[in-house]
């Protein structure tokens, strides 16, 4: 009898465990379905004209930190492709001669800020005893163009996935903050559109957040909606991104890497071709407004996807000392660049 009762007990326990597993699986499937529905609705909402880049980023962050990104495995490729396509699209609304003038003005700021940021980043990494490659990636991302620089420099110095994840997490968190607060600060300081565009290009990490902040400033705080802020911000930032190439060579020498791995931002060439087409081909100008409008929406969606990809796991993986290094670097470059644009432009 005792054997039969034990057998029944085990059987009931097994059935109960199976029922709990089935229930948990059902709940997970329901949650995943809800996540997909909300995600698709949110992307559609971000296409509306009243949704600005900062709002799109916040919507993405809420989804990423609550329901989670249902297509996280596709997020990196989607943001990369959408960002590059959108930047090229913006080129169809910019005059090459104006862009060259902006580039000349920004080149001195670019060189000084890149060298200064890398030197300060190295000192902070040594002072805080941060792992060398992680510290170098944080400095590179702050100095040039955020995630793009980290993705390019990482293979050159043979960084591990965890080291790159930490650096990317820091950059994305600070980007999210900058996108929201920079337009407000710029308005409070009564910066001119060209000053704000230059400040964004130097002080904000990623191209997407630079253009997003400049577009927000132009849309909300520039009474003429002149487009000067996003034009200068995009041009100077992309010129800055080209410094990935010399930095890659220097990085290979510092870390003694002879593999020759290097990622070159080829899409910048297409951006230049788009500006040339807009400047010298009248036919292109007939449709440029539509292309630029689509490109701006593409950037808004890009920022939404970046926000949705910032999960609790990513935030937890970022240690305190690398964050402190990233914050100090960001504040230093922001304040220095702000002083420069106010007094020198």
C-alpha atoms as a PDB file:
ATOM      1  CA  UNK A   1       0.000   0.000   0.000  1.00  0.00           C
ATOM      2  CA  UNK A   2       2.799   2.394   0.946  1.00  0.00           C
ATOM      3  CA  UNK A   3       4.500   1.730  -2.412  1.00  0.00           C
ATOM      4  CA  UNK A   4       1.246   2.464  -4.282  1.00  0.00           C
ATOM      5  CA  UNK A   5       0.727   5.712  -2.320  1.00  0.00           C
ATOM      6  CA  UNK A   6       4.323   6.834  -3.033  1.00  0.00           C
ATOM      7  CA  UNK A   7       3.825   6.073  -6.714  1.00  0.00           C
ATOM      8  CA  UNK A   8       0.614   8.116  -6.763  1.00  0.00           C
ATOM      9  CA  UNK A   9       2.326  10.985  -4.954  1.00  0.00           C
ATOM     10  CA  UNK A  10       5.197  11.000  -7.462  1.00  0.00           C
ATOM     11  CA  UNK A  11       2.712  10.842 -10.316  1.00  0.00           C
ATOM     12  CA  UNK A  12       0.707  13.764  -8.933  1.00  0.00           C
ATOM     13  CA  UNK A  13       3.926  15.739  -8.387  1.00  0.00           C
ATOM     14  CA  UNK A  14       5.041  15.071 -11.957  1.00  0.00           C
ATOM     15  CA  UNK A  15       1.641  16.119 -13.302  1.00  0.00           C
ATOM     16  CA  UNK A  16       1.688  19.263 -11.164  1.00  0.00           C
ATOM     17  CA  UNK A  17       5.206  20.114 -12.343  1.00  0.00           C
ATOM     18  CA  UNK A  18       4.214  19.544 -15.974  1.00  0.00           C
ATOM     19  CA  UNK A  19       1.124  21.745 -15.495  1.00  0.00           C
ATOM     20  CA  UNK A  20       3.294  24.538 -14.007  1.00  0.00           C
ATOM     21  CA  UNK A  21       5.755  24.252 -16.896  1.00  0.00           C
ATOM     22  CA  UNK A  22       2.895  24.427 -19.412  1.00  0.00           C
ATOM     23  CA  UNK A  23       1.422  27.448 -17.602  1.00  0.00           C
ATOM     24  CA  UNK A  24       4.781  29.249 -17.533  1.00  0.00           C
ATOM     25  CA  UNK A  25       5.331  28.514 -21.216  1.00  0.00           C
ATOM     26  CA  UNK A  26       1.837  29.800 -22.013  1.00  0.00           C
ATOM     27  CA  UNK A  27       2.472  32.978 -20.017  1.00  0.00           C
ATOM     28  CA  UNK A  28       5.794  33.539 -21.765  1.00  0.00           C
ATOM     29  CA  UNK A  29       4.150  33.074 -25.170  1.00  0.00           C
ATOM     30  CA  UNK A  30       1.388  35.522 -24.228  1.00  0.00           C
ATOM     31  CA  UNK A  31       3.949  38.063 -22.991  1.00  0.00           C
ATOM     32  CA  UNK A  32       5.984  37.659 -26.181  1.00  0.00           C
ATOM     33  CA  UNK A  33       2.868  38.153 -28.330  1.00  0.00           C
ATOM     34  CA  UNK A  34       1.914  41.298 -26.394  1.00  0.00           C
ATOM     35  CA  UNK A  35       5.487  42.532 -26.758  1.00  0.00           C
ATOM     36  CA  UNK A  36       5.323  42.092 -30.537  1.00  0.00           C
ATOM     37  CA  UNK A  37       1.984  43.908 -30.805  1.00  0.00           C
ATOM     38  CA  UNK A  38       3.164  46.834 -28.663  1.00  0.00           C
ATOM     39  CA  UNK A  39       6.468  46.982 -30.547  1.00  0.00           C
ATOM     40  CA  UNK A  40       4.825  47.161 -33.983  1.00  0.00           C
ATOM     41  CA  UNK A  41       2.319  49.760 -32.735  1.00  0.00           C
ATOM     42  CA  UNK A  42       5.176  51.841 -31.289  1.00  0.00           C
ATOM     43  CA  UNK A  43       7.145  51.791 -34.560  1.00  0.00           C
ATOM     44  CA  UNK A  44       4.011  52.897 -36.422  1.00  0.00           C
ATOM     45  CA  UNK A  45       3.511  55.665 -33.864  1.00  0.00           C
ATOM     46  CA  UNK A  46       7.112  56.859 -34.367  1.00  0.00           C
ATOM     47  CA  UNK A  47       6.326  57.475 -38.037  1.00  0.00           C
ATOM     48  CA  UNK A  48       3.826  60.173 -37.056  1.00  0.00           C
ATOM     49  CA  UNK A  49       5.014  63.782 -37.535  1.00  0.00           C
ATOM     50  CA  UNK A  50       4.373  64.745 -33.898  1.00  0.00           C
ATOM     51  CA  UNK A  51       6.855  62.156 -32.538  1.00  0.00           C
ATOM     52  CA  UNK A  52      10.289  63.784 -32.117  1.00  0.00           C
ATOM     53  CA  UNK A  53      13.565  61.805 -31.852  1.00  0.00           C
ATOM     54  CA  UNK A  54      13.803  62.147 -28.026  1.00  0.00           C
ATOM     55  CA  UNK A  55      10.220  60.924 -27.621  1.00  0.00           C
ATOM     56  CA  UNK A  56      10.940  57.961 -29.919  1.00  0.00           C
ATOM     57  CA  UNK A  57      13.993  57.094 -27.832  1.00  0.00           C
ATOM     58  CA  UNK A  58      11.957  57.262 -24.608  1.00  0.00           C
ATOM     59  CA  UNK A  59       9.248  55.019 -26.075  1.00  0.00           C
ATOM     60  CA  UNK A  60      11.942  52.515 -27.043  1.00  0.00           C
ATOM     61  CA  UNK A  61      13.505  52.659 -23.573  1.00  0.00           C
ATOM     62  CA  UNK A  62      10.144  51.985 -21.892  1.00  0.00           C
ATOM     63  CA  UNK A  63       9.562  48.946 -24.103  1.00  0.00           C
ATOM     64  CA  UNK A  64      13.131  47.670 -23.693  1.00  0.00           C
ATOM     65  CA  UNK A  65      13.064  47.931 -19.893  1.00  0.00           C
ATOM     66  CA  UNK A  66       9.548  46.513 -19.420  1.00  0.00           C
ATOM     67  CA  UNK A  67       8.288  44.161 -22.132  1.00  0.00           C
ATOM     68  CA  UNK A  68      11.647  43.663 -23.827  1.00  0.00           C
ATOM     69  CA  UNK A  69      12.614  43.855 -27.506  1.00  0.00           C
ATOM     70  CA  UNK A  70      10.846  40.965 -29.316  1.00  0.00           C
ATOM     71  CA  UNK A  71      13.279  41.088 -32.246  1.00  0.00           C
ATOM     72  CA  UNK A  72      16.507  41.798 -30.369  1.00  0.00           C
ATOM     73  CA  UNK A  73      18.466  39.372 -32.582  1.00  0.00           C
ATOM     74  CA  UNK A  74      17.776  41.644 -35.564  1.00  0.00           C
ATOM     75  CA  UNK A  75      18.257  44.951 -33.783  1.00  0.00           C
ATOM     76  CA  UNK A  76      21.967  45.496 -34.432  1.00  0.00           C
ATOM     77  CA  UNK A  77      21.719  44.940 -38.199  1.00  0.00           C
ATOM     78  CA  UNK A  78      18.491  46.945 -38.471  1.00  0.00           C
ATOM     79  CA  UNK A  79      19.846  50.004 -36.619  1.00  0.00           C
ATOM     80  CA  UNK A  80      23.114  49.880 -38.547  1.00  0.00           C
ATOM     81  CA  UNK A  81      21.430  49.713 -41.958  1.00  0.00           C
ATOM     82  CA  UNK A  82      18.737  52.253 -41.104  1.00  0.00           C
ATOM     83  CA  UNK A  83      21.225  54.750 -39.669  1.00  0.00           C
ATOM     84  CA  UNK A  84      23.509  54.613 -42.715  1.00  0.00           C
ATOM     85  CA  UNK A  85      20.605  54.859 -45.169  1.00  0.00           C
ATOM     86  CA  UNK A  86      19.105  57.797 -43.274  1.00  0.00           C
ATOM     87  CA  UNK A  87      22.406  59.679 -43.163  1.00  0.00           C
ATOM     88  CA  UNK A  88      22.822  59.251 -46.924  1.00  0.00           C
ATOM     89  CA  UNK A  89      19.231  60.461 -47.378  1.00  0.00           C
ATOM     90  CA  UNK A  90      19.997  63.626 -45.416  1.00  0.00           C
ATOM     91  CA  UNK A  91      22.758  64.355 -47.925  1.00  0.00           C
ATOM     92  CA  UNK A  92      20.080  64.972 -50.560  1.00  0.00           C
ATOM     93  CA  UNK A  93      19.126  68.148 -48.708  1.00  0.00           C
ATOM     94  CA  UNK A  94      22.573  69.673 -48.176  1.00  0.00           C
ATOM     95  CA  UNK A  95      24.636  71.947 -50.384  1.00  0.00           C
ATOM     96  CA  UNK A  96      28.200  70.648 -50.740  1.00  0.00           C
ATOM     97  CA  UNK A  97      29.705  74.161 -50.611  1.00  0.00           C
ATOM     98  CA  UNK A  98      28.000  74.964 -47.303  1.00  0.00           C
ATOM     99  CA  UNK A  99      29.040  71.578 -45.966  1.00  0.00           C
ATOM    100  CA  UNK A 100      32.683  72.185 -46.877  1.00  0.00           C
ATOM    101  CA  UNK A 101      32.594  75.531 -45.107  1.00  0.00           C
ATOM    102  CA  UNK A 102      31.166  73.874 -42.003  1.00  0.00           C
ATOM    103  CA  UNK A 103      33.795  71.156 -42.223  1.00  0.00           C
ATOM    104  CA  UNK A 104      36.619  73.709 -42.358  1.00  0.00           C
ATOM    105  CA  UNK A 105      35.281  75.421 -39.266  1.00  0.00           C
ATOM    106  CA  UNK A 106      34.939  72.152 -37.388  1.00  0.00           C
ATOM    107  CA  UNK A 107      38.237  70.483 -38.274  1.00  0.00           C
ATOM    108  CA  UNK A 108      40.288  72.269 -35.605  1.00  0.00           C
ATOM    109  CA  UNK A 109      37.683  71.445 -32.960  1.00  0.00           C
ATOM    110  CA  UNK A 110      37.638  67.852 -34.183  1.00  0.00           C
ATOM    111  CA  UNK A 111      41.406  67.283 -34.001  1.00  0.00           C
ATOM    112  CA  UNK A 112      41.783  68.989 -30.625  1.00  0.00           C
ATOM    113  CA  UNK A 113      38.821  67.198 -29.056  1.00  0.00           C
ATOM    114  CA  UNK A 114      39.821  63.734 -30.328  1.00  0.00           C
ATOM    115  CA  UNK A 115      43.408  64.006 -29.081  1.00  0.00           C
ATOM    116  CA  UNK A 116      42.328  65.569 -25.783  1.00  0.00           C
ATOM    117  CA  UNK A 117      39.645  62.942 -25.161  1.00  0.00           C
ATOM    118  CA  UNK A 118      41.966  60.005 -25.871  1.00  0.00           C
ATOM    119  CA  UNK A 119      44.674  61.416 -23.566  1.00  0.00           C
ATOM    120  CA  UNK A 120      42.219  62.194 -20.748  1.00  0.00           C
ATOM    121  CA  UNK A 121      40.547  58.805 -21.205  1.00  0.00           C
ATOM    122  CA  UNK A 122      43.895  57.041 -20.855  1.00  0.00           C
ATOM    123  CA  UNK A 123      44.681  58.960 -17.663  1.00  0.00           C
ATOM    124  CA  UNK A 124      41.259  58.202 -16.167  1.00  0.00           C
ATOM    125  CA  UNK A 125      41.567  54.524 -17.072  1.00  0.00           C
ATOM    126  CA  UNK A 126      44.927  54.363 -15.292  1.00  0.00           C
ATOM    127  CA  UNK A 127      43.663  56.372 -12.306  1.00  0.00           C
ATOM    128  CA  UNK A 128      40.532  54.221 -11.815  1.00  0.00           C
ATOM    129  CA  UNK A 129      42.406  50.976 -12.585  1.00  0.00           C
ATOM    130  CA  UNK A 130      39.992  50.055 -15.391  1.00  0.00           C
ATOM    131  CA  UNK A 131      40.745  47.112 -17.663  1.00  0.00           C
ATOM    132  CA  UNK A 132      42.885  48.547 -20.486  1.00  0.00           C
ATOM    133  CA  UNK A 133      40.836  47.552 -23.537  1.00  0.00           C
ATOM    134  CA  UNK A 134      37.507  48.535 -21.951  1.00  0.00           C
ATOM    135  CA  UNK A 135      38.930  51.943 -21.027  1.00  0.00           C
ATOM    136  CA  UNK A 136      40.339  52.400 -24.534  1.00  0.00           C
ATOM    137  CA  UNK A 137      36.987  51.543 -26.163  1.00  0.00           C
ATOM    138  CA  UNK A 138      35.111  53.987 -23.909  1.00  0.00           C
ATOM    139  CA  UNK A 139      37.629  56.709 -24.809  1.00  0.00           C
ATOM    140  CA  UNK A 140      37.404  55.903 -28.544  1.00  0.00           C
ATOM    141  CA  UNK A 141      33.609  55.957 -28.512  1.00  0.00           C
ATOM    142  CA  UNK A 142      33.586  59.316 -26.723  1.00  0.00           C
ATOM    143  CA  UNK A 143      36.295  60.815 -28.936  1.00  0.00           C
ATOM    144  CA  UNK A 144      34.870  59.982 -32.352  1.00  0.00           C
ATOM    145  CA  UNK A 145      31.416  58.543 -33.014  1.00  0.00           C
ATOM    146  CA  UNK A 146      30.183  56.295 -30.253  1.00  0.00           C
ATOM    147  CA  UNK A 147      29.045  52.812 -31.208  1.00  0.00           C
ATOM    148  CA  UNK A 148      30.526  53.027 -34.711  1.00  0.00           C
ATOM    149  CA  UNK A 149      33.997  53.764 -33.337  1.00  0.00           C
ATOM    150  CA  UNK A 150      33.725  50.983 -30.751  1.00  0.00           C
ATOM    151  CA  UNK A 151      32.583  48.506 -33.412  1.00  0.00           C
ATOM    152  CA  UNK A 152      35.511  49.538 -35.642  1.00  0.00           C
ATOM    153  CA  UNK A 153      38.242  49.681 -32.975  1.00  0.00           C
ATOM    154  CA  UNK A 154      37.156  46.537 -31.102  1.00  0.00           C
ATOM    155  CA  UNK A 155      38.427  44.012 -33.689  1.00  0.00           C
ATOM    156  CA  UNK A 156      41.622  46.033 -34.175  1.00  0.00           C
ATOM    157  CA  UNK A 157      42.618  45.716 -30.513  1.00  0.00           C
ATOM    158  CA  UNK A 158      41.141  42.183 -30.333  1.00  0.00           C
ATOM    159  CA  UNK A 159      38.630  43.157 -27.640  1.00  0.00           C
ATOM    160  CA  UNK A 160      36.369  40.505 -26.135  1.00  0.00           C
ATOM    161  CA  UNK A 161      32.570  40.654 -26.472  1.00  0.00           C
ATOM    162  CA  UNK A 162      32.091  41.621 -22.806  1.00  0.00           C
ATOM    163  CA  UNK A 163      34.539  44.525 -23.125  1.00  0.00           C
ATOM    164  CA  UNK A 164      32.708  45.833 -26.188  1.00  0.00           C
ATOM    165  CA  UNK A 165      29.298  45.363 -24.534  1.00  0.00           C
ATOM    166  CA  UNK A 166      30.343  47.443 -21.534  1.00  0.00           C
ATOM    167  CA  UNK A 167      31.672  50.274 -23.732  1.00  0.00           C
ATOM    168  CA  UNK A 168      28.577  50.202 -25.965  1.00  0.00           C
ATOM    169  CA  UNK A 169      26.278  50.202 -22.931  1.00  0.00           C
ATOM    170  CA  UNK A 170      27.963  53.310 -21.513  1.00  0.00           C
ATOM    171  CA  UNK A 171      27.807  55.130 -24.855  1.00  0.00           C
ATOM    172  CA  UNK A 172      24.136  54.286 -25.456  1.00  0.00           C
ATOM    173  CA  UNK A 173      23.112  55.389 -21.951  1.00  0.00           C
ATOM    174  CA  UNK A 174      24.916  58.735 -22.282  1.00  0.00           C
ATOM    175  CA  UNK A 175      23.569  59.175 -25.819  1.00  0.00           C
ATOM    176  CA  UNK A 176      20.037  58.759 -24.512  1.00  0.00           C
ATOM    177  CA  UNK A 177      20.608  61.462 -21.896  1.00  0.00           C
ATOM    178  CA  UNK A 178      22.285  63.833 -24.386  1.00  0.00           C
ATOM    179  CA  UNK A 179      19.496  63.538 -26.936  1.00  0.00           C
ATOM    180  CA  UNK A 180      17.007  64.766 -24.346  1.00  0.00           C
ATOM    181  CA  UNK A 181      18.950  67.450 -22.474  1.00  0.00           C
ATOM    182  CA  UNK A 182      21.127  69.038 -25.188  1.00  0.00           C
ATOM    183  CA  UNK A 183      18.313  70.849 -27.063  1.00  0.00           C
ATOM    184  CA  UNK A 184      16.988  72.196 -23.747  1.00  0.00           C
ATOM    185  CA  UNK A 185      20.439  73.428 -22.667  1.00  0.00           C
ATOM    186  CA  UNK A 186      21.088  74.932 -26.094  1.00  0.00           C
ATOM    187  CA  UNK A 187      17.804  76.858 -25.913  1.00  0.00           C
ATOM    188  CA  UNK A 188      18.516  77.973 -22.338  1.00  0.00           C
ATOM    189  CA  UNK A 189      21.917  79.327 -23.440  1.00  0.00           C
ATOM    190  CA  UNK A 190      20.360  80.898 -26.568  1.00  0.00           C
ATOM    191  CA  UNK A 191      22.818  79.160 -28.890  1.00  0.00           C
ATOM    192  CA  UNK A 192      22.594  80.025 -32.566  1.00  0.00           C
ATOM    193  CA  UNK A 193      21.704  77.114 -34.870  1.00  0.00           C
ATOM    194  CA  UNK A 194      25.276  76.873 -36.213  1.00  0.00           C
ATOM    195  CA  UNK A 195      26.669  76.903 -32.670  1.00  0.00           C
ATOM    196  CA  UNK A 196      24.309  74.195 -31.510  1.00  0.00           C
ATOM    197  CA  UNK A 197      25.042  72.032 -34.570  1.00  0.00           C
ATOM    198  CA  UNK A 198      28.787  72.280 -33.924  1.00  0.00           C
ATOM    199  CA  UNK A 199      28.359  71.557 -30.203  1.00  0.00           C
ATOM    200  CA  UNK A 200      26.263  68.448 -30.928  1.00  0.00           C
ATOM    201  CA  UNK A 201      28.742  67.101 -33.459  1.00  0.00           C
ATOM    202  CA  UNK A 202      31.616  67.342 -30.988  1.00  0.00           C
ATOM    203  CA  UNK A 203      29.979  66.500 -27.660  1.00  0.00           C
ATOM    204  CA  UNK A 204      27.423  63.768 -28.474  1.00  0.00           C
ATOM    205  CA  UNK A 205      28.735  60.292 -29.231  1.00  0.00           C
ATOM    206  CA  UNK A 206      26.607  58.589 -31.913  1.00  0.00           C
ATOM    207  CA  UNK A 207      25.659  60.091 -35.289  1.00  0.00           C
ATOM    208  CA  UNK A 208      22.002  59.144 -34.757  1.00  0.00           C
ATOM    209  CA  UNK A 209      21.775  61.102 -31.488  1.00  0.00           C
ATOM    210  CA  UNK A 210      23.723  64.034 -32.959  1.00  0.00           C
ATOM    211  CA  UNK A 211      21.307  64.399 -35.876  1.00  0.00           C
ATOM    212  CA  UNK A 212      18.336  63.684 -33.614  1.00  0.00           C
ATOM    213  CA  UNK A 213      19.270  66.423 -31.144  1.00  0.00           C
ATOM    214  CA  UNK A 214      20.040  68.926 -33.922  1.00  0.00           C
ATOM    215  CA  UNK A 215      16.766  68.127 -35.697  1.00  0.00           C
ATOM    216  CA  UNK A 216      14.846  68.602 -32.443  1.00  0.00           C
ATOM    217  CA  UNK A 217      16.560  71.957 -31.880  1.00  0.00           C
ATOM    218  CA  UNK A 218      15.722  73.054 -35.427  1.00  0.00           C
ATOM    219  CA  UNK A 219      12.102  71.923 -35.144  1.00  0.00           C
ATOM    220  CA  UNK A 220      11.317  73.293 -31.673  1.00  0.00           C
ATOM    221  CA  UNK A 221      13.785  76.062 -30.816  1.00  0.00           C
ATOM    222  CA  UNK A 222      14.823  77.598 -34.157  1.00  0.00           C
ATOM    223  CA  UNK A 223      12.006  80.036 -35.037  1.00  0.00           C
ATOM    224  CA  UNK A 224      13.043  80.032 -38.704  1.00  0.00           C
ATOM    225  CA  UNK A 225      13.399  76.225 -38.937  1.00  0.00           C
ATOM    226  CA  UNK A 226      16.413  77.008 -41.106  1.00  0.00           C
ATOM    227  CA  UNK A 227      17.889  73.508 -41.069  1.00  0.00           C
ATOM    228  CA  UNK A 228      21.317  74.961 -40.231  1.00  0.00           C
ATOM    229  CA  UNK A 229      21.737  73.012 -36.975  1.00  0.00           C
ATOM    230  CA  UNK A 230      21.171  69.514 -38.447  1.00  0.00           C
ATOM    231  CA  UNK A 231      23.180  70.371 -41.596  1.00  0.00           C
ATOM    232  CA  UNK A 232      26.267  71.432 -39.641  1.00  0.00           C
ATOM    233  CA  UNK A 233      25.850  68.685 -37.048  1.00  0.00           C
ATOM    234  CA  UNK A 234      25.662  65.941 -39.685  1.00  0.00           C
ATOM    235  CA  UNK A 235      28.544  67.237 -41.805  1.00  0.00           C
ATOM    236  CA  UNK A 236      30.952  67.818 -38.919  1.00  0.00           C
ATOM    237  CA  UNK A 237      30.037  64.509 -37.276  1.00  0.00           C
ATOM    238  CA  UNK A 238      30.625  62.513 -40.450  1.00  0.00           C
ATOM    239  CA  UNK A 239      33.928  64.312 -41.037  1.00  0.00           C
ATOM    240  CA  UNK A 240      34.778  63.353 -37.471  1.00  0.00           C
ATOM    241  CA  UNK A 241      33.824  59.719 -38.164  1.00  0.00           C
ATOM    242  CA  UNK A 242      36.570  59.502 -40.811  1.00  0.00           C
ATOM    243  CA  UNK A 243      39.088  59.699 -37.970  1.00  0.00           C
ATOM    244  CA  UNK A 244      38.199  56.079 -37.259  1.00  0.00           C
ATOM    245  CA  UNK A 245      40.724  55.184 -39.966  1.00  0.00           C
ATOM    246  CA  UNK A 246      43.864  56.830 -38.492  1.00  0.00           C
ATOM    247  CA  UNK A 247      42.772  55.839 -34.982  1.00  0.00           C
ATOM    248  CA  UNK A 248      42.545  52.216 -36.130  1.00  0.00           C
ATOM    249  CA  UNK A 249      46.177  52.313 -37.340  1.00  0.00           C
ATOM    250  CA  UNK A 250      47.339  53.923 -34.097  1.00  0.00           C
ATOM    251  CA  UNK A 251      45.341  51.398 -32.060  1.00  0.00           C
ATOM    252  CA  UNK A 252      46.899  48.489 -33.946  1.00  0.00           C
ATOM    253  CA  UNK A 253      50.376  49.818 -33.090  1.00  0.00           C
ATOM    254  CA  UNK A 254      49.529  50.415 -29.421  1.00  0.00           C
ATOM    255  CA  UNK A 255      48.045  46.951 -28.930  1.00  0.00           C
ATOM    256  CA  UNK A 256      50.535  45.316 -31.328  1.00  0.00           C
ATOM    257  CA  UNK A 257      47.880  43.772 -33.563  1.00  0.00           C
ATOM    258  CA  UNK A 258      49.194  42.631 -36.951  1.00  0.00           C
ATOM    259  CA  UNK A 259      45.978  41.048 -38.258  1.00  0.00           C
ATOM    260  CA  UNK A 260      45.083  44.150 -40.296  1.00  0.00           C
ATOM    261  CA  UNK A 261      41.391  44.137 -39.278  1.00  0.00           C
ATOM    262  CA  UNK A 262      39.770  47.513 -39.875  1.00  0.00           C
ATOM    263  CA  UNK A 263      36.241  48.724 -40.599  1.00  0.00           C
ATOM    264  CA  UNK A 264      36.029  51.758 -42.885  1.00  0.00           C
ATOM    265  CA  UNK A 265      32.762  53.809 -42.874  1.00  0.00           C
ATOM    266  CA  UNK A 266      32.167  53.605 -46.638  1.00  0.00           C
ATOM    267  CA  UNK A 267      28.634  55.030 -46.378  1.00  0.00           C
ATOM    268  CA  UNK A 268      30.163  58.487 -45.831  1.00  0.00           C
ATOM    269  CA  UNK A 269      31.210  58.397 -49.503  1.00  0.00           C
ATOM    270  CA  UNK A 270      27.571  57.925 -50.529  1.00  0.00           C
ATOM    271  CA  UNK A 271      26.623  60.831 -48.271  1.00  0.00           C
ATOM    272  CA  UNK A 272      29.103  63.048 -50.170  1.00  0.00           C
ATOM    273  CA  UNK A 273      27.716  61.846 -53.518  1.00  0.00           C
ATOM    274  CA  UNK A 274      24.195  62.711 -52.320  1.00  0.00           C
ATOM    275  CA  UNK A 275      25.306  66.262 -51.467  1.00  0.00           C
ATOM    276  CA  UNK A 276      26.963  66.615 -54.878  1.00  0.00           C
ATOM    277  CA  UNK A 277      23.783  65.437 -56.588  1.00  0.00           C
ATOM    278  CA  UNK A 278      21.656  67.919 -54.620  1.00  0.00           C
ATOM    279  CA  UNK A 279      24.045  70.796 -55.366  1.00  0.00           C
ATOM    280  CA  UNK A 280      24.643  70.264 -59.092  1.00  0.00           C
ATOM    281  CA  UNK A 281      21.713  68.226 -60.482  1.00  0.00           C
ATOM    282  CA  UNK A 282      18.465  70.271 -60.664  1.00  0.00           C
ATOM    283  CA  UNK A 283      16.332  67.153 -61.178  1.00  0.00           C
ATOM    284  CA  UNK A 284      17.384  65.787 -57.793  1.00  0.00           C
ATOM    285  CA  UNK A 285      16.235  68.928 -55.983  1.00  0.00           C
ATOM    286  CA  UNK A 286      12.665  68.339 -57.197  1.00  0.00           C
ATOM    287  CA  UNK A 287      12.380  65.285 -54.942  1.00  0.00           C
ATOM    288  CA  UNK A 288      14.910  66.127 -52.229  1.00  0.00           C
ATOM    289  CA  UNK A 289      12.306  67.281 -49.696  1.00  0.00           C
ATOM    290  CA  UNK A 290      10.617  63.879 -49.765  1.00  0.00           C
ATOM    291  CA  UNK A 291      13.902  62.032 -49.439  1.00  0.00           C
ATOM    292  CA  UNK A 292      15.045  64.180 -46.524  1.00  0.00           C
ATOM    293  CA  UNK A 293      11.693  63.760 -44.770  1.00  0.00           C
ATOM    294  CA  UNK A 294      11.972  59.973 -45.120  1.00  0.00           C
ATOM    295  CA  UNK A 295      15.565  60.106 -43.855  1.00  0.00           C
ATOM    296  CA  UNK A 296      14.537  62.056 -40.740  1.00  0.00           C
ATOM    297  CA  UNK A 297      11.840  59.484 -39.997  1.00  0.00           C
ATOM    298  CA  UNK A 298      14.432  56.766 -40.521  1.00  0.00           C
ATOM    299  CA  UNK A 299      16.601  58.400 -37.849  1.00  0.00           C
ATOM    300  CA  UNK A 300      13.615  58.612 -35.506  1.00  0.00           C
ATOM    301  CA  UNK A 301      12.995  54.874 -35.936  1.00  0.00           C
ATOM    302  CA  UNK A 302      16.725  54.232 -35.440  1.00  0.00           C
ATOM    303  CA  UNK A 303      16.624  55.986 -32.070  1.00  0.00           C
ATOM    304  CA  UNK A 304      13.524  54.023 -31.097  1.00  0.00           C
ATOM    305  CA  UNK A 305      15.325  50.764 -31.906  1.00  0.00           C
ATOM    306  CA  UNK A 306      18.403  51.857 -29.931  1.00  0.00           C
ATOM    307  CA  UNK A 307      16.195  52.591 -26.921  1.00  0.00           C
ATOM    308  CA  UNK A 308      14.355  49.284 -27.233  1.00  0.00           C
ATOM    309  CA  UNK A 309      17.682  47.426 -27.342  1.00  0.00           C
ATOM    310  CA  UNK A 310      18.846  48.909 -24.030  1.00  0.00           C
ATOM    311  CA  UNK A 311      17.739  46.136 -21.638  1.00  0.00           C
ATOM    312  CA  UNK A 312      18.175  45.698 -17.881  1.00  0.00           C
ATOM    313  CA  UNK A 313      20.864  43.116 -18.623  1.00  0.00           C
ATOM    314  CA  UNK A 314      22.923  45.664 -20.586  1.00  0.00           C
ATOM    315  CA  UNK A 315      22.599  48.253 -17.815  1.00  0.00           C
ATOM    316  CA  UNK A 316      23.623  45.731 -15.119  1.00  0.00           C
ATOM    317  CA  UNK A 317      26.670  44.621 -17.121  1.00  0.00           C
ATOM    318  CA  UNK A 318      28.149  48.130 -17.008  1.00  0.00           C
ATOM    319  CA  UNK A 319      30.501  48.523 -14.038  1.00  0.00           C
ATOM    320  CA  UNK A 320      30.741  51.676 -11.909  1.00  0.00           C
ATOM    321  CA  UNK A 321      34.331  52.653 -12.770  1.00  0.00           C
ATOM    322  CA  UNK A 322      33.927  52.490 -16.585  1.00  0.00           C
ATOM    323  CA  UNK A 323      30.697  54.493 -16.223  1.00  0.00           C
ATOM    324  CA  UNK A 324      32.551  57.087 -14.128  1.00  0.00           C
ATOM    325  CA  UNK A 325      35.235  57.312 -16.816  1.00  0.00           C
ATOM    326  CA  UNK A 326      32.602  57.731 -19.534  1.00  0.00           C
ATOM    327  CA  UNK A 327      30.679  60.386 -17.615  1.00  0.00           C
ATOM    328  CA  UNK A 328      33.800  62.438 -16.786  1.00  0.00           C
ATOM    329  CA  UNK A 329      34.979  62.274 -20.406  1.00  0.00           C
ATOM    330  CA  UNK A 330      31.546  63.270 -21.673  1.00  0.00           C
ATOM    331  CA  UNK A 331      31.216  66.206 -19.281  1.00  0.00           C
ATOM    332  CA  UNK A 332      34.759  67.374 -20.077  1.00  0.00           C
ATOM    333  CA  UNK A 333      34.267  67.317 -23.850  1.00  0.00           C
ATOM    334  CA  UNK A 334      30.783  68.855 -23.565  1.00  0.00           C
ATOM    335  CA  UNK A 335      31.899  71.802 -21.462  1.00  0.00           C
ATOM    336  CA  UNK A 336      35.057  72.395 -23.500  1.00  0.00           C
ATOM    337  CA  UNK A 337      33.159  72.273 -26.790  1.00  0.00           C
ATOM    338  CA  UNK A 338      30.435  74.521 -25.387  1.00  0.00           C
ATOM    339  CA  UNK A 339      32.984  77.145 -24.364  1.00  0.00           C
ATOM    340  CA  UNK A 340      34.615  76.911 -27.800  1.00  0.00           C
ATOM    341  CA  UNK A 341      31.416  77.363 -29.825  1.00  0.00           C
ATOM    342  CA  UNK A 342      30.263  80.278 -27.668  1.00  0.00           C
ATOM    343  CA  UNK A 343      33.544  82.203 -27.798  1.00  0.00           C
ATOM    344  CA  UNK A 344      35.024  81.166 -31.146  1.00  0.00           C
ATOM    345  CA  UNK A 345      32.034  80.863 -33.502  1.00  0.00           C
END
